[in-house]
């Protein structure tokens, strides 16, 4: 074996990297276990414990690098929402509202008709909304001018009556893109403040869509309100730090008095304990007064636990909120009144909102935290003092007065700033505010958090001004987007939603792990039984190493492990056996030809490479297509499948070879078959081509039955493809499907689809699915609960929060626009898979008849699997819906089937080369017979693995694994009895046509 040292070195390095990456998951789980033990079932205590550990060092890797708990969490294996519960939401920014606002809510009939038509067309199109609006406006009235609608006071500098429709659309597009970018930043900021561990927020390819994944959240109603609320941009005057500090001192004294009274009554101090490092570690300018106060309280500059306790007792407010002072203890100018650690901001708010404390401060004083932390780690936030100058307590200016804002540079062209323009009304108020606050700050507040507090240098008339002192171009661009779109009512509406309750997530983990362990054990036992303890043990070692590599690579890539992902790993177990089977069968053939063990191993590996690579590459291509066109769990399945194929190739080809080299060096005897299986399927002489017409008839009958079922019974499309809402509900007592259907028919206006889903009930409805109002999802859930209450199927005292947490195990929503996109992507994925498989086979075998036979077999497999789903839907006690998971199953079936077919084609090509004078039919039959043993081993091991997932993997993926089970059987059949005969017959017909032409 050449390059043995390099391969061994690579294997060791890969194992070391995987160990390193997986160590973070171990450490993270250990901290979480400590939190559970500390909390003793109290979820709030558990959250507070983990939150307090974020900046604590919990892992010192070999003394070389230290990692905080936050670092460790970012590097651990991420579990998908289907495994640990949470929400997966796709939001669509309402661009039509932005356009309406830009037109000053014009009542122009053509304009409003165009908006209505664009909104309708968006449900069946992937084009962005501005393009659809332009097309609709042109369609309704080709002679109408957009400039007449958008020549508003706000846009007068950009639009006049001579501006073309195309130019107006460009301006609209720029404004909407800025609003979408701002919506993304607002949602990201809101989620960051929500306190979710490892959230995932990303812009999707379709313009205006934002994906938000929130693992572990339980208050789904609050999350919906948080995500869908319209941004509120305000401008506030501010107090100076020197003006507020005296009130802070009084507040500190009042808090101290209150705590003394509480302690005398036997009430424990609820002030969060700060660690020694948190109380004294910072020597920055902002902490200097705190250090001096602490030293004064203790009479010593040395920090000890006793000193800290005395300081907290003397200065309970300043122990959490460090005053804004310099090293000499002098108060800083400006509106910053203090700095607090992120975990202490809630307690500071509690102090400052206490009626007894609040009465100390002036009535026109209110506080707001900065949206951005002052340090890169995200630990410390500044508290800003705002001044209320209006009678109604509202801000004197809001985002509605902004007509334009853009990122710019100062007069020297070196420092970023934001140029801002206000309308006439806003300019008057802005002039008054700047005149009265020269030398002071004006705070720009978004959603109650201060985004910026620039200093006023002079009175500003005319509404044009610039904001300087920004740290980076990115900060300037973000602020410009905030200002530009602040006046635009651009809420983001939920168009797709998946919610998995924590209990269902735990069930999924348990069932997924159980199926994984059982499948893994069955494959290990099978390899030992079929290929003896020598070769079987080598394959098992490679298989165990393969699993280790898969999880290590998943961790290093930051990939998300989902339940379909576990299915992908388990399927990889079965399919990775194929490489070992191919190698072992070829080695046995070489040994039967009279070669010694060492030479047989060398030639066996060499001769098996072609079939292994061809088979695995075709499956890999299918996985790549799934990854490109899938989303969420399907992408997770594709990720593990791709990684598994690559690692199994390395493990099967190189690691087993290293083991055999070591055994040969030791002089041990190597057996590649057990006594019981030595003669199994050897020397078979089945006349495959002779019987091909019979199999054509059998397949034809199945295909006709399938097509007939499509017309008679149809297919049971899931909400992925038809849109709607589905809920999985766990009842505390036995209920009948008919009872649930009847109970909900009244509240939903029509009977929903109700099925059993494992031990639970699955309810599917399209009620108000096209309604995109903010509260519609909560309202539908309330109706669902009320309908079940009215029928006495759940307790009458249950609240909506209790229902969503205790009864509603999961829910899913897919809007009409999303379902159209999913259907399109599914069709593209399947079509693209067939094309690239055909092209790959054409390139590898240089014979289009092979490609045709393979694609025909794949079409055959797809039709039969679809037909079985159509025939048995509603008959079997689990869901047979056509959804994204089913598309993933179909593509996986295609990958498996083509893998089997390519191995057969490869052997046919080899036999034709070895026996050129033999009749072609004899060669084809001999090749098919020679692969039977390999086909049996691979198919059986894969089937057993899938059967373990089907039986023990849980109800949520039972339909998915059922499709794979049927696909393995049908795919194995088609590779032997359909693909090869069609390729053979096509070749013969082409030969006859060529012969006739020659005559």
Foldseek 3Di string as FASTA:
>chain_A
DPPLVVLVVVLVVLLVLLVVLQVLQVQLVVQLVVLCVVCVPPVVSSLLSLVVQQQPFRDQPVVPDTDTSLRSLLLHFFAFCLQFWFKKFKWFWPLLLQVCVLLVNDPDPLQVQLLVQLVVVLLQDLAASLVSSLVSSCVVPVPDAVLVRRCDLLCVVPGDPPDHPVSVSVVSVVLVQLLLVLLQVQLVLLVVLVSARDWDWDDDPRPRMIIITGHPDQPVLVNLCSQFDFKWKFKFFFDKLVVCVVLLVVLQVVVLVVVVVCVVVVHDDPQDDDDQCLQPVDPAQQQQLSQVLLCVQVVHSDDDPVSLVSSCSNGVLCSFWRAGGGNVRHHDTAFFGTKGFPSNPVVNVVSCPDPVSVVSDDPQWDKFWASAAPDPVRTMITIGITGQDDPVSGGPDILQFWSAKAWAAPPVRPFIKMKTAGGPVVQVVQLVSLAVQAQYWMFIDMPRHTLDTAHRNHRDHRRIDMGGPDDDSVSRSNVRSCSSCRSRRTTIFTFKMKTFFSVSSNLLVVLLVQLQVVLLVVQLVLLCAFFNCFLSVLLNVLLVSLVSSLSSVSSNVSHYAYLLLSVLLLLLSLQLVLLSLQLLLQLVVVVVVPDDNVVSNVVSLVLSVVLLCLLLVLLLLLLVLQCVLPDRVSVSSSSSNNSSSVSSVSSNNSSSVVSVVVCVVVVHDGTGGDPVNPCPLPPDQDLQLVCLVVVVVVLVVLLVLLVVLCVVQNAFADCLQVWWKKWWWAFPDDDDQVLLQVLLCVLQVHGFDWADQVNTIMTTDRRCLVPRDSCVVVVVLVSSVVSCVVSVRHDPPDDSSNRSNPTTRMMIGHHSSSSSSSVVSLVCSVVVSLVVLQVSCCVVVVASLLSVLLSVLLVSLVSSLSSVLSVCAVPDRAHQHPHSLQSSLSSSLSSNLSSLLSSLVSLLVVQCVVCVPDDSSSSSSVSLSSCPVSLVSSLVSSLSSLVSCLVRSGRVCNNSSVSNNSSSVSSSCSSRRGSVSSSVVVVVVVVVVVVVVVD
